[in-house]
Amino acid sequence: MVIGFFKSFDPNLNQTIFPNYINSLIGGVFGYLIIWLIIFFYKKVRKKEGMGLGDAKLLAVVGFWFGWFSIPFTIFMSSVVALIFVIPSLINKSRKMSSQIPFGPYIIIAVIFYVFFSNQIKTFLL
């Protein structure tokens, strides 16, 4: 996280992928906070833990490295990729609905998509 934030002070940085320090700070806080809120509300409603803080830390790192703009895309894309991989195992009954699914690998896959297609994503959304 620290390296991701401090790299944003580099004036020779590629600004199309890596944000300035303000966007980096907002992204890190936003990435952590959004997953923390999901964890908090899920725990209040269901009275059990749904996600670990590792996902929040990982999304904070993504925010520090790529800025706040990467967070909504990463959450959406990682959810879609997770569904693509998990639904077949639910249909085959090799996995139960109550089984735990690690979300971190899907976040990483979404970040890889973001790194390679960030210009196209920004053009499409803006």
Protein backbone atom coordinates (compact mmCIF):
# COMPACT_ATOMS: atom_id res chain seq x y z
CA MET A 1 0.00 0.00 0.00
CA VAL A 2 2.76 2.38 0.97
CA ILE A 3 4.69 1.83 -2.26
CA GLY A 4 1.51 2.30 -4.28
CA PHE A 5 0.87 5.64 -2.60
CA PHE A 6 4.45 6.93 -2.80
CA LYS A 7 4.80 6.02 -6.48
CA SER A 8 2.05 8.56 -7.19
CA PHE A 9 4.47 11.39 -6.30
CA ASP A 10 6.76 10.44 -9.22
CA PRO A 11 6.55 13.21 -11.88
CA ASN A 12 7.71 10.80 -14.62
CA LEU A 13 4.78 8.48 -14.00
CA ASN A 14 2.51 7.29 -16.79
CA GLN A 15 -0.61 9.29 -15.92
CA THR A 16 -2.94 7.21 -18.09
CA ILE A 17 -2.67 4.15 -15.83
CA PHE A 18 -1.25 5.46 -12.55
CA PRO A 19 -2.99 8.37 -10.78
CA ASN A 20 -1.57 11.39 -9.02
CA TYR A 21 -1.26 11.30 -5.23
CA ILE A 22 -4.76 12.69 -4.54
CA ASN A 23 -6.50 10.09 -6.71
CA SER A 24 -4.21 7.45 -5.24
CA LEU A 25 -5.14 8.39 -1.67
CA ILE A 26 -8.86 8.57 -2.48
CA GLY A 27 -8.64 5.22 -4.26
CA GLY A 28 -6.93 3.48 -1.37
CA VAL A 29 -9.38 4.77 1.21
CA PHE A 30 -12.37 4.14 -1.07
CA GLY A 31 -11.21 0.61 -1.89
CA TYR A 32 -10.80 -0.32 1.76
CA LEU A 33 -13.92 1.46 2.95
CA ILE A 34 -16.34 -0.01 0.43
CA ILE A 35 -15.38 -3.61 1.27
CA TRP A 36 -15.28 -2.82 4.98
CA LEU A 37 -18.84 -1.47 4.76
CA ILE A 38 -20.00 -4.61 2.95
CA ILE A 39 -18.38 -6.74 5.67
CA PHE A 40 -19.91 -4.60 8.43
CA PHE A 41 -23.47 -4.61 7.07
CA TYR A 42 -23.37 -8.31 6.18
CA LYS A 43 -22.26 -9.12 9.72
CA LYS A 44 -25.05 -6.97 11.18
CA VAL A 45 -27.75 -8.54 9.00
CA ARG A 46 -26.65 -12.19 8.90
CA LYS A 47 -24.92 -12.34 12.32
CA LYS A 48 -21.92 -14.11 10.78
CA GLU A 49 -18.79 -13.16 8.91
CA GLY A 50 -19.08 -13.07 5.13
CA MET A 51 -15.76 -11.70 3.89
CA GLY A 52 -12.37 -11.23 5.43
CA LEU A 53 -10.41 -8.02 5.68
CA GLY A 54 -7.87 -9.42 3.23
CA ASP A 55 -10.24 -8.47 0.41
CA ALA A 56 -10.49 -4.94 1.81
CA LYS A 57 -6.70 -4.65 2.02
CA LEU A 58 -6.29 -5.98 -1.50
CA LEU A 59 -8.81 -3.48 -2.87
CA ALA A 60 -7.05 -0.70 -0.94
CA VAL A 61 -3.80 -1.67 -2.68
CA VAL A 62 -5.61 -1.57 -6.04
CA GLY A 63 -6.92 1.90 -5.17
CA PHE A 64 -3.49 3.18 -4.14
CA TRP A 65 -1.90 1.86 -7.32
CA PHE A 66 -4.57 2.70 -9.89
CA GLY A 67 -6.76 5.37 -8.25
CA TRP A 68 -10.40 5.58 -7.31
CA PHE A 69 -11.61 5.09 -10.90
CA SER A 70 -10.36 1.48 -10.86
CA ILE A 71 -12.37 0.47 -7.78
CA PRO A 72 -15.93 0.29 -9.22
CA PHE A 73 -14.69 -1.53 -12.31
CA THR A 74 -12.63 -3.95 -10.22
CA ILE A 75 -15.54 -4.78 -7.92
CA PHE A 76 -17.94 -5.27 -10.83
CA MET A 77 -15.54 -7.28 -12.99
CA SER A 78 -14.32 -9.46 -10.13
CA SER A 79 -17.93 -10.29 -9.25
CA VAL A 80 -18.69 -11.21 -12.87
CA VAL A 81 -15.57 -13.38 -13.15
CA ALA A 82 -16.38 -15.06 -9.81
CA LEU A 83 -19.89 -15.85 -11.03
CA ILE A 84 -18.53 -17.32 -14.26
CA PHE A 85 -16.24 -19.64 -12.30
CA VAL A 86 -18.56 -20.50 -9.39
CA ILE A 87 -21.95 -21.04 -11.07
CA PRO A 88 -20.88 -24.24 -12.91
CA SER A 89 -19.67 -25.79 -9.64
CA LEU A 90 -22.99 -24.88 -8.00
CA ILE A 91 -24.92 -26.46 -10.87
CA ASN A 92 -22.79 -29.63 -10.67
CA LYS A 93 -23.37 -29.64 -6.91
CA SER A 94 -19.64 -29.90 -6.27
CA ARG A 95 -19.95 -26.75 -4.17
CA LYS A 96 -22.72 -25.71 -1.77
CA MET A 97 -24.30 -22.27 -1.59
CA SER A 98 -22.94 -21.91 1.93
CA SER A 99 -19.34 -22.78 1.00
CA GLN A 100 -16.69 -20.11 1.24
CA ILE A 101 -15.25 -18.78 -1.99
CA PRO A 102 -11.96 -16.85 -1.97
CA PHE A 103 -12.60 -13.51 -3.66
CA GLY A 104 -8.98 -12.33 -3.87
CA PRO A 105 -8.08 -14.25 -7.05
CA TYR A 106 -11.06 -12.73 -8.84
CA ILE A 107 -10.01 -9.25 -7.73
CA ILE A 108 -6.56 -9.92 -9.22
CA ILE A 109 -8.09 -11.10 -12.52
CA ALA A 110 -10.21 -7.94 -12.67
CA VAL A 111 -7.14 -5.76 -12.01
CA ILE A 112 -5.29 -7.48 -14.85
CA PHE A 113 -8.24 -6.66 -17.12
CA TYR A 114 -8.09 -3.06 -15.88
CA VAL A 115 -4.36 -2.73 -16.52
CA PHE A 116 -4.63 -3.96 -20.10
CA PHE A 117 -7.91 -2.26 -21.01
CA SER A 118 -7.98 0.88 -18.83
CA ASN A 119 -7.92 3.28 -21.78
CA GLN A 120 -10.82 1.50 -23.49
CA ILE A 121 -12.76 1.36 -20.22
CA LYS A 122 -12.31 5.08 -19.59
CA THR A 123 -13.27 5.92 -23.18
CA PHE A 124 -16.37 3.74 -22.97
CA LEU A 125 -17.52 5.09 -19.59
CA LEU A 126 -16.67 8.73 -20.16
